[in-house]
Amino acid sequence: MGTANDSTFSHFILLGFSDRPQLERVLFAVILPAYLLTLLGNSTIILVSRLDPHLHTPMYFFLTHLSFLDLSFTSSSIPQLLYNLRGQDKTISYVGCALQLVLFLGLGGVECLLLAVMAYDRFVAVCKPLHYMVVMSPKLCVGLVAVAWGCGVANSLAMSPVTLSLPRCGRRSVDHFLCEMPALIRIACVNTAAVEGTVFVLAIGIVLSPLVFILVSYGYIVKAVLQIRSAAGRQKAFNTCGSHLTVVSLFYGNIIYMYMQPGNSSSQDQGKFLTLFYNIVTPLLNPLIYTLRNKEVKGALRRLLLGSRETKEIRAGSRQTRGKLSW
């Protein structure tokens, strides 16, 4: 009977922070500008990386995909959250909930693997600098990104139907601000031990395996850097990897907590705030980290801004010249 009723669901109720109306107003005032800045920052990284010829390298090819992931990931949940924070209506359609779950799992998995790919890129750049452009060929870069996207999407397509098909016995209220897997598992009215075990195994493959690869890569990088005799060379190598390592720390600090402890074992309130941090703060900080710590990106921004200004001045000068000639 519960399964039959579940099949007629037209919507879920996202409880989110509805038990704290004052906090909802504060969150709306903070999240809206943060979301707009996230859109601006990541769009800028994508445009600069594509428009400036100096940034047509493997590192910025991967960074473009990371920024696109952050844009997509944030936009999959934050607009719905802002809508729910603003009024009494906390509903989300069944299709909207399923789409959020698919995107959340898929894009999160892709980002785990993409960060591992970026770690390999940094490993080759530091440990094998003379062979960098040969090893990191365009064909290999495209292939690595394709594998990351393929595995992330496959993980989502494997787990989303299983999560959505769990019997809920008429339960519609999701104690979260989005339709993420642990929250949906919690409202099931059957024993979810098998599902949680599957989630744990997949998390090892999608979350922990890339993390182990990243740590091993940076172990070799640190060893190579310590062998550099000049202080300037060591500083340059650390600067090359510092931005990526900071992003990895921010990302994995949240994702491990959320997905290695699914279902009832995790604190619901902590999970909400960690997911909020993961959804809005990390994508907001990523462009700042890569911009503030990276001279190449700052130089590209400067060239684009000065180039557009010079173009305007040239156009203005040509218009004045034409005006004088016509006079």
C-alpha atoms as a PDB file:
ATOM      1  CA  MET A   1       0.000   0.000   0.000  1.00  0.00           C
ATOM      2  CA  GLY A   2       2.844   2.391   0.887  1.00  0.00           C
ATOM      3  CA  THR A   3       4.526   1.847  -2.476  1.00  0.00           C
ATOM      4  CA  ALA A   4       1.291   2.434  -4.351  1.00  0.00           C
ATOM      5  CA  ASN A   5       0.708   5.666  -2.525  1.00  0.00           C
ATOM      6  CA  ASP A   6       4.285   6.764  -3.163  1.00  0.00           C
ATOM      7  CA  SER A   7       3.780   6.410  -6.900  1.00  0.00           C
ATOM      8  CA  THR A   8       1.030   9.056  -6.790  1.00  0.00           C
ATOM      9  CA  PHE A   9       3.235  11.691  -5.114  1.00  0.00           C
ATOM     10  CA  SER A  10       3.178  14.988  -6.956  1.00  0.00           C
ATOM     11  CA  HIS A  11       5.456  16.887  -4.589  1.00  0.00           C
ATOM     12  CA  PHE A  12       7.679  16.809  -1.518  1.00  0.00           C
ATOM     13  CA  ILE A  13       7.914  19.340   1.317  1.00  0.00           C
ATOM     14  CA  LEU A  14      11.412  20.661   2.004  1.00  0.00           C
ATOM     15  CA  LEU A  15      11.395  21.594   5.688  1.00  0.00           C
ATOM     16  CA  GLY A  16      14.825  23.193   5.499  1.00  0.00           C
ATOM     17  CA  PHE A  17      15.078  25.890   8.171  1.00  0.00           C
ATOM     18  CA  SER A  18      11.299  26.414   8.540  1.00  0.00           C
ATOM     19  CA  ASP A  19      11.486  25.863  12.304  1.00  0.00           C
ATOM     20  CA  ARG A  20      13.613  29.048  12.532  1.00  0.00           C
ATOM     21  CA  PRO A  21      11.790  31.872  10.674  1.00  0.00           C
ATOM     22  CA  GLN A  22      14.283  34.526  11.760  1.00  0.00           C
ATOM     23  CA  LEU A  23      17.190  32.423  10.491  1.00  0.00           C
ATOM     24  CA  GLU A  24      15.399  32.039   7.144  1.00  0.00           C
ATOM     25  CA  ARG A  25      15.363  35.822   6.646  1.00  0.00           C
ATOM     26  CA  VAL A  26      19.041  36.085   7.534  1.00  0.00           C
ATOM     27  CA  LEU A  27      19.945  33.206   5.217  1.00  0.00           C
ATOM     28  CA  PHE A  28      18.003  34.748   2.327  1.00  0.00           C
ATOM     29  CA  ALA A  29      19.824  38.077   2.778  1.00  0.00           C
ATOM     30  CA  VAL A  30      23.207  36.287   2.821  1.00  0.00           C
ATOM     31  CA  ILE A  31      22.651  33.567   0.212  1.00  0.00           C
ATOM     32  CA  LEU A  32      21.177  35.762  -2.552  1.00  0.00           C
ATOM     33  CA  PRO A  33      24.250  38.040  -2.958  1.00  0.00           C
ATOM     34  CA  ALA A  34      26.562  35.052  -2.416  1.00  0.00           C
ATOM     35  CA  TYR A  35      24.809  33.170  -5.232  1.00  0.00           C
ATOM     36  CA  LEU A  36      25.055  36.160  -7.585  1.00  0.00           C
ATOM     37  CA  LEU A  37      28.764  36.529  -6.769  1.00  0.00           C
ATOM     38  CA  THR A  38      29.231  32.799  -7.401  1.00  0.00           C
ATOM     39  CA  LEU A  39      27.659  33.163 -10.847  1.00  0.00           C
ATOM     40  CA  LEU A  40      29.836  36.197 -11.591  1.00  0.00           C
ATOM     41  CA  GLY A  41      33.087  34.698 -10.307  1.00  0.00           C
ATOM     42  CA  ASN A  42      32.823  31.329 -12.028  1.00  0.00           C
ATOM     43  CA  SER A  43      31.551  32.862 -15.275  1.00  0.00           C
ATOM     44  CA  THR A  44      34.547  35.206 -15.215  1.00  0.00           C
ATOM     45  CA  ILE A  45      36.964  32.289 -14.787  1.00  0.00           C
ATOM     46  CA  ILE A  46      35.373  30.483 -17.755  1.00  0.00           C
ATOM     47  CA  LEU A  47      35.422  33.562 -20.002  1.00  0.00           C
ATOM     48  CA  VAL A  48      38.985  34.549 -19.091  1.00  0.00           C
ATOM     49  CA  SER A  49      40.263  30.994 -19.610  1.00  0.00           C
ATOM     50  CA  ARG A  50      38.606  30.793 -23.016  1.00  0.00           C
ATOM     51  CA  LEU A  51      39.400  34.311 -24.284  1.00  0.00           C
ATOM     52  CA  ASP A  52      43.023  34.723 -23.192  1.00  0.00           C
ATOM     53  CA  PRO A  53      45.457  32.706 -25.371  1.00  0.00           C
ATOM     54  CA  HIS A  54      47.982  32.601 -22.504  1.00  0.00           C
ATOM     55  CA  LEU A  55      45.563  30.422 -20.525  1.00  0.00           C
ATOM     56  CA  HIS A  56      45.011  27.809 -23.235  1.00  0.00           C
ATOM     57  CA  THR A  57      46.847  25.182 -21.176  1.00  0.00           C
ATOM     58  CA  PRO A  58      45.743  21.897 -19.556  1.00  0.00           C
ATOM     59  CA  MET A  59      45.506  23.482 -16.094  1.00  0.00           C
ATOM     60  CA  TYR A  60      43.009  26.115 -17.219  1.00  0.00           C
ATOM     61  CA  PHE A  61      41.143  23.634 -19.376  1.00  0.00           C
ATOM     62  CA  PHE A  62      40.437  21.665 -16.187  1.00  0.00           C
ATOM     63  CA  LEU A  63      39.734  24.861 -14.238  1.00  0.00           C
ATOM     64  CA  THR A  64      37.093  25.827 -16.815  1.00  0.00           C
ATOM     65  CA  HIS A  65      35.325  22.523 -16.222  1.00  0.00           C
ATOM     66  CA  LEU A  66      35.577  23.006 -12.443  1.00  0.00           C
ATOM     67  CA  SER A  67      33.967  26.453 -12.715  1.00  0.00           C
ATOM     68  CA  PHE A  68      31.226  25.056 -14.954  1.00  0.00           C
ATOM     69  CA  LEU A  69      30.614  22.312 -12.376  1.00  0.00           C
ATOM     70  CA  ASP A  70      30.351  24.889  -9.592  1.00  0.00           C
ATOM     71  CA  LEU A  71      27.900  26.965 -11.636  1.00  0.00           C
ATOM     72  CA  SER A  72      25.727  23.940 -12.394  1.00  0.00           C
ATOM     73  CA  PHE A  73      25.946  22.501  -8.896  1.00  0.00           C
ATOM     74  CA  THR A  74      24.951  25.738  -7.170  1.00  0.00           C
ATOM     75  CA  SER A  75      22.180  26.493  -9.657  1.00  0.00           C
ATOM     76  CA  SER A  76      20.655  23.030  -9.165  1.00  0.00           C
ATOM     77  CA  SER A  77      19.572  23.842  -5.601  1.00  0.00           C
ATOM     78  CA  ILE A  78      20.087  27.471  -4.536  1.00  0.00           C
ATOM     79  CA  PRO A  79      17.224  29.033  -6.606  1.00  0.00           C
ATOM     80  CA  GLN A  80      14.780  26.548  -5.032  1.00  0.00           C
ATOM     81  CA  LEU A  81      16.224  27.291  -1.588  1.00  0.00           C
ATOM     82  CA  LEU A  82      15.805  31.055  -2.096  1.00  0.00           C
ATOM     83  CA  TYR A  83      12.193  30.502  -3.178  1.00  0.00           C
ATOM     84  CA  ASN A  84      11.477  28.399  -0.081  1.00  0.00           C
ATOM     85  CA  LEU A  85      13.232  30.819   2.279  1.00  0.00           C
ATOM     86  CA  ARG A  86      11.136  33.726   1.047  1.00  0.00           C
ATOM     87  CA  GLY A  87       7.645  32.462   1.872  1.00  0.00           C
ATOM     88  CA  GLN A  88       5.470  29.806   3.452  1.00  0.00           C
ATOM     89  CA  ASP A  89       5.494  27.511   0.422  1.00  0.00           C
ATOM     90  CA  LYS A  90       8.142  24.827   0.997  1.00  0.00           C
ATOM     91  CA  THR A  91       7.048  22.398  -1.706  1.00  0.00           C
ATOM     92  CA  ILE A  92       9.036  20.986  -4.598  1.00  0.00           C
ATOM     93  CA  SER A  93       7.562  18.834  -7.356  1.00  0.00           C
ATOM     94  CA  TYR A  94       8.466  15.158  -7.563  1.00  0.00           C
ATOM     95  CA  VAL A  95      10.205  15.793 -10.893  1.00  0.00           C
ATOM     96  CA  GLY A  96      12.078  18.759  -9.413  1.00  0.00           C
ATOM     97  CA  CYS A  97      13.167  16.652  -6.439  1.00  0.00           C
ATOM     98  CA  ALA A  98      14.349  13.829  -8.700  1.00  0.00           C
ATOM     99  CA  LEU A  99      16.270  16.317 -10.867  1.00  0.00           C
ATOM    100  CA  GLN A 100      17.960  17.823  -7.808  1.00  0.00           C
ATOM    101  CA  LEU A 101      19.019  14.377  -6.614  1.00  0.00           C
ATOM    102  CA  VAL A 102      20.379  13.348 -10.022  1.00  0.00           C
ATOM    103  CA  LEU A 103      22.335  16.585 -10.424  1.00  0.00           C
ATOM    104  CA  PHE A 104      23.591  16.611  -6.841  1.00  0.00           C
ATOM    105  CA  LEU A 105      24.969  13.077  -7.088  1.00  0.00           C
ATOM    106  CA  GLY A 106      26.231  13.409 -10.650  1.00  0.00           C
ATOM    107  CA  LEU A 107      27.964  16.781 -10.391  1.00  0.00           C
ATOM    108  CA  GLY A 108      29.400  15.949  -6.962  1.00  0.00           C
ATOM    109  CA  GLY A 109      30.895  12.727  -8.314  1.00  0.00           C
ATOM    110  CA  VAL A 110      32.346  14.486 -11.355  1.00  0.00           C
ATOM    111  CA  GLU A 111      33.980  17.106  -9.132  1.00  0.00           C
ATOM    112  CA  CYS A 112      35.648  14.432  -6.963  1.00  0.00           C
ATOM    113  CA  LEU A 113      37.194  12.850 -10.042  1.00  0.00           C
ATOM    114  CA  LEU A 114      38.042  16.163 -11.708  1.00  0.00           C
ATOM    115  CA  LEU A 115      40.018  17.262  -8.639  1.00  0.00           C
ATOM    116  CA  ALA A 116      41.990  14.016  -8.930  1.00  0.00           C
ATOM    117  CA  VAL A 117      42.651  14.761 -12.616  1.00  0.00           C
ATOM    118  CA  MET A 118      43.849  18.267 -11.663  1.00  0.00           C
ATOM    119  CA  ALA A 119      46.165  16.717  -9.050  1.00  0.00           C
ATOM    120  CA  TYR A 120      47.684  14.525 -11.772  1.00  0.00           C
ATOM    121  CA  ASP A 121      48.143  17.630 -13.927  1.00  0.00           C
ATOM    122  CA  ARG A 122      50.031  19.350 -11.091  1.00  0.00           C
ATOM    123  CA  PHE A 123      52.094  16.185 -10.503  1.00  0.00           C
ATOM    124  CA  VAL A 124      53.254  16.156 -14.136  1.00  0.00           C
ATOM    125  CA  ALA A 125      53.903  19.935 -14.096  1.00  0.00           C
ATOM    126  CA  VAL A 126      56.139  19.754 -11.011  1.00  0.00           C
ATOM    127  CA  CYS A 127      57.722  16.293 -11.275  1.00  0.00           C
ATOM    128  CA  LYS A 128      58.124  16.107 -15.079  1.00  0.00           C
ATOM    129  CA  PRO A 129      58.206  19.730 -16.258  1.00  0.00           C
ATOM    130  CA  LEU A 130      60.210  19.050 -19.429  1.00  0.00           C
ATOM    131  CA  HIS A 131      57.680  16.481 -20.621  1.00  0.00           C
ATOM    132  CA  TYR A 132      54.585  18.359 -19.439  1.00  0.00           C
ATOM    133  CA  MET A 133      53.165  19.438 -22.805  1.00  0.00           C
ATOM    134  CA  VAL A 134      53.890  16.012 -24.301  1.00  0.00           C
ATOM    135  CA  VAL A 135      52.271  14.038 -21.466  1.00  0.00           C
ATOM    136  CA  MET A 136      49.304  16.390 -20.996  1.00  0.00           C
ATOM    137  CA  SER A 137      48.307  16.363 -24.641  1.00  0.00           C
ATOM    138  CA  PRO A 138      44.896  17.770 -25.689  1.00  0.00           C
ATOM    139  CA  LYS A 139      43.709  14.236 -26.428  1.00  0.00           C
ATOM    140  CA  LEU A 140      44.609  13.016 -22.936  1.00  0.00           C
ATOM    141  CA  CYS A 141      43.034  16.079 -21.272  1.00  0.00           C
ATOM    142  CA  VAL A 142      39.746  15.580 -23.108  1.00  0.00           C
ATOM    143  CA  GLY A 143      39.847  11.854 -22.319  1.00  0.00           C
ATOM    144  CA  LEU A 144      40.419  12.433 -18.580  1.00  0.00           C
ATOM    145  CA  VAL A 145      37.563  14.933 -18.386  1.00  0.00           C
ATOM    146  CA  ALA A 146      35.291  12.561 -20.315  1.00  0.00           C
ATOM    147  CA  VAL A 147      36.077   9.731 -17.874  1.00  0.00           C
ATOM    148  CA  ALA A 148      35.324  12.023 -14.912  1.00  0.00           C
ATOM    149  CA  TRP A 149      31.971  13.048 -16.395  1.00  0.00           C
ATOM    150  CA  GLY A 150      31.120   9.483 -17.391  1.00  0.00           C
ATOM    151  CA  CYS A 151      31.825   7.996 -13.947  1.00  0.00           C
ATOM    152  CA  GLY A 152      29.996  10.791 -12.139  1.00  0.00           C
ATOM    153  CA  VAL A 153      26.914  10.424 -14.328  1.00  0.00           C
ATOM    154  CA  ALA A 154      27.004   6.619 -13.998  1.00  0.00           C
ATOM    155  CA  ASN A 155      27.135   6.912 -10.186  1.00  0.00           C
ATOM    156  CA  SER A 156      24.122   9.221 -10.244  1.00  0.00           C
ATOM    157  CA  LEU A 157      22.125   6.998 -12.589  1.00  0.00           C
ATOM    158  CA  ALA A 158      22.876   4.001 -10.365  1.00  0.00           C
ATOM    159  CA  MET A 159      21.915   5.552  -7.023  1.00  0.00           C
ATOM    160  CA  SER A 160      19.133   8.029  -7.885  1.00  0.00           C
ATOM    161  CA  PRO A 161      16.503   5.432  -8.962  1.00  0.00           C
ATOM    162  CA  VAL A 162      17.301   3.262  -5.924  1.00  0.00           C
ATOM    163  CA  THR A 163      16.856   6.214  -3.560  1.00  0.00           C
ATOM    164  CA  LEU A 164      13.661   7.464  -5.201  1.00  0.00           C
ATOM    165  CA  SER A 165      12.090   3.995  -5.294  1.00  0.00           C
ATOM    166  CA  LEU A 166      12.362   3.435  -1.529  1.00  0.00           C
ATOM    167  CA  PRO A 167       8.864   3.052   0.028  1.00  0.00           C
ATOM    168  CA  ARG A 168       7.958   6.130   2.081  1.00  0.00           C
ATOM    169  CA  CYS A 169       4.484   5.110   3.322  1.00  0.00           C
ATOM    170  CA  GLY A 170       2.984   8.509   2.583  1.00  0.00           C
ATOM    171  CA  ARG A 171       5.834  10.560   4.054  1.00  0.00           C
ATOM    172  CA  ARG A 172       6.477  13.721   2.057  1.00  0.00           C
ATOM    173  CA  SER A 173       8.390  15.956   4.466  1.00  0.00           C
ATOM    174  CA  VAL A 174      12.136  16.010   3.783  1.00  0.00           C
ATOM    175  CA  ASP A 175      14.112  17.431   6.703  1.00  0.00           C
ATOM    176  CA  HIS A 176      16.506  19.322   4.473  1.00  0.00           C
ATOM    177  CA  PHE A 177      16.535  22.272   2.065  1.00  0.00           C
ATOM    178  CA  LEU A 178      17.145  20.067  -0.976  1.00  0.00           C
ATOM    179  CA  CYS A 179      16.485  16.532  -2.152  1.00  0.00           C
ATOM    180  CA  GLU A 180      19.803  14.929  -1.292  1.00  0.00           C
ATOM    181  CA  MET A 181      20.310  11.244  -0.749  1.00  0.00           C
ATOM    182  CA  PRO A 182      20.728  10.922   3.062  1.00  0.00           C
ATOM    183  CA  ALA A 183      17.616  13.061   3.657  1.00  0.00           C
ATOM    184  CA  LEU A 184      15.524  10.935   1.282  1.00  0.00           C
ATOM    185  CA  ILE A 185      16.859   7.715   2.829  1.00  0.00           C
ATOM    186  CA  ARG A 186      15.774   8.937   6.269  1.00  0.00           C
ATOM    187  CA  ILE A 187      12.076   9.203   5.305  1.00  0.00           C
ATOM    188  CA  ALA A 188      11.920   5.624   3.991  1.00  0.00           C
ATOM    189  CA  CYS A 189       9.663   3.306   5.993  1.00  0.00           C
ATOM    190  CA  VAL A 190      11.735   0.165   5.360  1.00  0.00           C
ATOM    191  CA  ASN A 191      15.112  -1.081   6.506  1.00  0.00           C
ATOM    192  CA  THR A 192      17.664   0.868   4.444  1.00  0.00           C
ATOM    193  CA  ALA A 193      20.787  -0.970   5.608  1.00  0.00           C
ATOM    194  CA  ALA A 194      21.365  -2.498   2.162  1.00  0.00           C
ATOM    195  CA  VAL A 195      21.023   0.883   0.433  1.00  0.00           C
ATOM    196  CA  GLU A 196      23.319   2.565   2.948  1.00  0.00           C
ATOM    197  CA  GLY A 197      25.874  -0.202   2.445  1.00  0.00           C
ATOM    198  CA  THR A 198      25.750   0.325  -1.326  1.00  0.00           C
ATOM    199  CA  VAL A 199      26.150   4.073  -0.819  1.00  0.00           C
ATOM    200  CA  PHE A 200      29.183   3.458   1.385  1.00  0.00           C
ATOM    201  CA  VAL A 201      30.826   1.201  -1.212  1.00  0.00           C
ATOM    202  CA  LEU A 202      30.188   3.676  -4.033  1.00  0.00           C
ATOM    203  CA  ALA A 203      31.468   6.510  -1.837  1.00  0.00           C
ATOM    204  CA  ILE A 204      34.756   4.648  -1.487  1.00  0.00           C
ATOM    205  CA  GLY A 205      35.057   4.496  -5.274  1.00  0.00           C
ATOM    206  CA  ILE A 206      33.835   7.993  -6.078  1.00  0.00           C
ATOM    207  CA  VAL A 207      35.003   9.948  -3.007  1.00  0.00           C
ATOM    208  CA  LEU A 208      37.842   8.180  -1.208  1.00  0.00           C
ATOM    209  CA  SER A 209      39.718   6.688  -4.174  1.00  0.00           C
ATOM    210  CA  PRO A 210      40.244  10.108  -5.831  1.00  0.00           C
ATOM    211  CA  LEU A 211      41.266  11.525  -2.430  1.00  0.00           C
ATOM    212  CA  VAL A 212      43.893   8.790  -1.971  1.00  0.00           C
ATOM    213  CA  PHE A 213      45.171   9.485  -5.502  1.00  0.00           C
ATOM    214  CA  ILE A 214      45.362  13.225  -4.708  1.00  0.00           C
ATOM    215  CA  LEU A 215      47.295  12.599  -1.485  1.00  0.00           C
ATOM    216  CA  VAL A 216      49.739  10.251  -3.220  1.00  0.00           C
ATOM    217  CA  SER A 217      50.236  12.795  -6.045  1.00  0.00           C
ATOM    218  CA  TYR A 218      50.985  15.555  -3.552  1.00  0.00           C
ATOM    219  CA  GLY A 219      53.337  13.258  -1.686  1.00  0.00           C
ATOM    220  CA  TYR A 220      55.439  12.996  -4.866  1.00  0.00           C
ATOM    221  CA  ILE A 221      55.042  16.731  -5.485  1.00  0.00           C
ATOM    222  CA  VAL A 222      56.331  17.636  -1.992  1.00  0.00           C
ATOM    223  CA  LYS A 223      59.269  15.244  -2.446  1.00  0.00           C
ATOM    224  CA  ALA A 224      60.129  16.871  -5.794  1.00  0.00           C
ATOM    225  CA  VAL A 225      59.779  20.400  -4.407  1.00  0.00           C
ATOM    226  CA  LEU A 226      62.088  19.679  -1.471  1.00  0.00           C
ATOM    227  CA  GLN A 227      64.772  18.636  -3.956  1.00  0.00           C
ATOM    228  CA  ILE A 228      64.667  22.056  -5.640  1.00  0.00           C
ATOM    229  CA  ARG A 229      67.668  24.029  -4.405  1.00  0.00           C
ATOM    230  CA  SER A 230      66.527  27.578  -5.075  1.00  0.00           C
ATOM    231  CA  ALA A 231      64.015  29.196  -2.728  1.00  0.00           C
ATOM    232  CA  ALA A 232      62.391  30.960  -5.692  1.00  0.00           C
ATOM    233  CA  GLY A 233      61.878  27.632  -7.465  1.00  0.00           C
ATOM    234  CA  ARG A 234      60.312  26.060  -4.396  1.00  0.00           C
ATOM    235  CA  GLN A 235      58.035  29.051  -3.931  1.00  0.00           C
ATOM    236  CA  LYS A 236      56.921  28.892  -7.566  1.00  0.00           C
ATOM    237  CA  ALA A 237      56.143  25.180  -7.254  1.00  0.00           C
ATOM    238  CA  PHE A 238      54.118  25.700  -4.067  1.00  0.00           C
ATOM    239  CA  ASN A 239      52.212  28.570  -5.678  1.00  0.00           C
ATOM    240  CA  THR A 240      51.430  26.310  -8.637  1.00  0.00           C
ATOM    241  CA  CYS A 241      49.789  23.737  -6.367  1.00  0.00           C
ATOM    242  CA  GLY A 242      48.543  25.914  -3.507  1.00  0.00           C
ATOM    243  CA  SER A 243      45.251  26.946  -5.100  1.00  0.00           C
ATOM    244  CA  HIS A 244      44.306  23.395  -6.051  1.00  0.00           C
ATOM    245  CA  LEU A 245      45.227  22.043  -2.616  1.00  0.00           C
ATOM    246  CA  THR A 246      43.086  24.701  -0.916  1.00  0.00           C
ATOM    247  CA  VAL A 247      40.094  23.818  -3.100  1.00  0.00           C
ATOM    248  CA  VAL A 248      40.594  20.096  -2.388  1.00  0.00           C
ATOM    249  CA  SER A 249      40.639  20.763   1.361  1.00  0.00           C
ATOM    250  CA  LEU A 250      37.418  22.785   1.233  1.00  0.00           C
ATOM    251  CA  PHE A 251      35.662  20.246  -0.965  1.00  0.00           C
ATOM    252  CA  TYR A 252      36.609  17.023   0.787  1.00  0.00           C
ATOM    253  CA  GLY A 253      36.155  18.400   4.293  1.00  0.00           C
ATOM    254  CA  ASN A 254      32.405  18.548   3.599  1.00  0.00           C
ATOM    255  CA  ILE A 255      31.805  15.737   1.138  1.00  0.00           C
ATOM    256  CA  ILE A 256      33.391  13.013   3.294  1.00  0.00           C
ATOM    257  CA  TYR A 257      31.267  13.922   6.298  1.00  0.00           C
ATOM    258  CA  MET A 258      28.047  13.994   4.295  1.00  0.00           C
ATOM    259  CA  TYR A 259      28.383  10.844   2.216  1.00  0.00           C
ATOM    260  CA  MET A 260      30.420   8.485   4.328  1.00  0.00           C
ATOM    261  CA  GLN A 261      27.706   8.717   7.011  1.00  0.00           C
ATOM    262  CA  PRO A 262      24.352   8.463   5.177  1.00  0.00           C
ATOM    263  CA  GLY A 263      20.897   8.020   6.666  1.00  0.00           C
ATOM    264  CA  ASN A 264      20.170   8.291  10.379  1.00  0.00           C
ATOM    265  CA  SER A 265      23.769   8.172  11.554  1.00  0.00           C
ATOM    266  CA  SER A 266      24.538  11.820  10.751  1.00  0.00           C
ATOM    267  CA  SER A 267      23.345  14.889  12.607  1.00  0.00           C
ATOM    268  CA  GLN A 268      20.530  16.442  10.600  1.00  0.00           C
ATOM    269  CA  ASP A 269      21.226  20.057  11.595  1.00  0.00           C
ATOM    270  CA  GLN A 270      24.951  19.686  11.004  1.00  0.00           C
ATOM    271  CA  GLY A 271      24.206  18.071   7.654  1.00  0.00           C
ATOM    272  CA  LYS A 272      22.081  21.041   6.556  1.00  0.00           C
ATOM    273  CA  PHE A 273      24.745  23.616   7.316  1.00  0.00           C
ATOM    274  CA  LEU A 274      27.546  21.519   5.837  1.00  0.00           C
ATOM    275  CA  THR A 275      25.522  21.019   2.668  1.00  0.00           C
ATOM    276  CA  LEU A 276      24.834  24.761   2.554  1.00  0.00           C
ATOM    277  CA  PHE A 277      28.560  25.438   2.906  1.00  0.00           C
ATOM    278  CA  TYR A 278      29.283  22.892   0.176  1.00  0.00           C
ATOM    279  CA  ASN A 279      26.600  24.361  -2.106  1.00  0.00           C
ATOM    280  CA  ILE A 280      27.320  28.061  -1.841  1.00  0.00           C
ATOM    281  CA  VAL A 281      30.523  28.864   0.082  1.00  0.00           C
ATOM    282  CA  THR A 282      32.887  26.488  -1.723  1.00  0.00           C
ATOM    283  CA  PRO A 283      31.760  27.510  -5.270  1.00  0.00           C
ATOM    284  CA  LEU A 284      31.977  31.160  -4.153  1.00  0.00           C
ATOM    285  CA  LEU A 285      35.523  30.796  -2.818  1.00  0.00           C
ATOM    286  CA  ASN A 286      36.951  28.760  -5.704  1.00  0.00           C
ATOM    287  CA  PRO A 287      37.219  31.700  -8.169  1.00  0.00           C
ATOM    288  CA  LEU A 288      38.697  33.904  -5.420  1.00  0.00           C
ATOM    289  CA  ILE A 289      41.278  31.252  -4.528  1.00  0.00           C
ATOM    290  CA  TYR A 290      42.376  30.810  -8.144  1.00  0.00           C
ATOM    291  CA  THR A 291      42.352  34.562  -8.809  1.00  0.00           C
ATOM    292  CA  LEU A 292      44.041  35.892  -5.681  1.00  0.00           C
ATOM    293  CA  ARG A 293      46.742  33.215  -5.599  1.00  0.00           C
ATOM    294  CA  ASN A 294      47.388  33.080  -9.330  1.00  0.00           C
ATOM    295  CA  LYS A 295      49.382  35.723 -11.185  1.00  0.00           C
ATOM    296  CA  GLU A 296      48.454  34.269 -14.581  1.00  0.00           C
ATOM    297  CA  VAL A 297      44.717  34.722 -13.991  1.00  0.00           C
ATOM    298  CA  LYS A 298      45.214  38.230 -12.612  1.00  0.00           C
ATOM    299  CA  GLY A 299      47.379  39.060 -15.616  1.00  0.00           C
ATOM    300  CA  ALA A 300      44.741  37.693 -18.007  1.00  0.00           C
ATOM    301  CA  LEU A 301      42.030  39.771 -16.324  1.00  0.00           C
ATOM    302  CA  ARG A 302      44.229  42.842 -16.585  1.00  0.00           C
ATOM    303  CA  ARG A 303      44.930  42.219 -20.272  1.00  0.00           C
ATOM    304  CA  LEU A 304      41.243  41.716 -21.065  1.00  0.00           C
ATOM    305  CA  LEU A 305      40.189  44.842 -19.163  1.00  0.00           C
ATOM    306  CA  LEU A 306      42.948  46.983 -20.680  1.00  0.00           C
ATOM    307  CA  GLY A 307      42.273  45.505 -24.104  1.00  0.00           C
ATOM    308  CA  SER A 308      38.584  46.403 -23.945  1.00  0.00           C
ATOM    309  CA  ARG A 309      39.463  49.903 -22.727  1.00  0.00           C
ATOM    310  CA  GLU A 310      41.971  50.413 -25.540  1.00  0.00           C
ATOM    311  CA  THR A 311      39.411  49.171 -28.063  1.00  0.00           C
ATOM    312  CA  LYS A 312      36.894  51.723 -26.793  1.00  0.00           C
ATOM    313  CA  GLU A 313      39.500  54.500 -26.996  1.00  0.00           C
ATOM    314  CA  ILE A 314      40.427  53.501 -30.562  1.00  0.00           C
ATOM    315  CA  ARG A 315      36.764  53.453 -31.581  1.00  0.00           C
ATOM    316  CA  ALA A 316      36.166  56.821 -29.930  1.00  0.00           C
ATOM    317  CA  GLY A 317      39.225  58.267 -31.679  1.00  0.00           C
ATOM    318  CA  SER A 318      38.113  56.935 -35.065  1.00  0.00           C
ATOM    319  CA  ARG A 319      34.667  58.473 -34.587  1.00  0.00           C
ATOM    320  CA  GLN A 320      36.235  61.861 -33.771  1.00  0.00           C
ATOM    321  CA  THR A 321      38.453  61.608 -36.850  1.00  0.00           C
ATOM    322  CA  ARG A 322      35.498  60.802 -39.072  1.00  0.00           C
ATOM    323  CA  GLY A 323      33.604  63.721 -37.565  1.00  0.00           C
ATOM    324  CA  LYS A 324      36.454  66.136 -38.352  1.00  0.00           C
ATOM    325  CA  LEU A 325      36.791  64.829 -41.885  1.00  0.00           C
ATOM    326  CA  SER A 326      33.059  65.179 -42.546  1.00  0.00           C
ATOM    327  CA  TRP A 327      33.172  68.712 -41.149  1.00  0.00           C
END
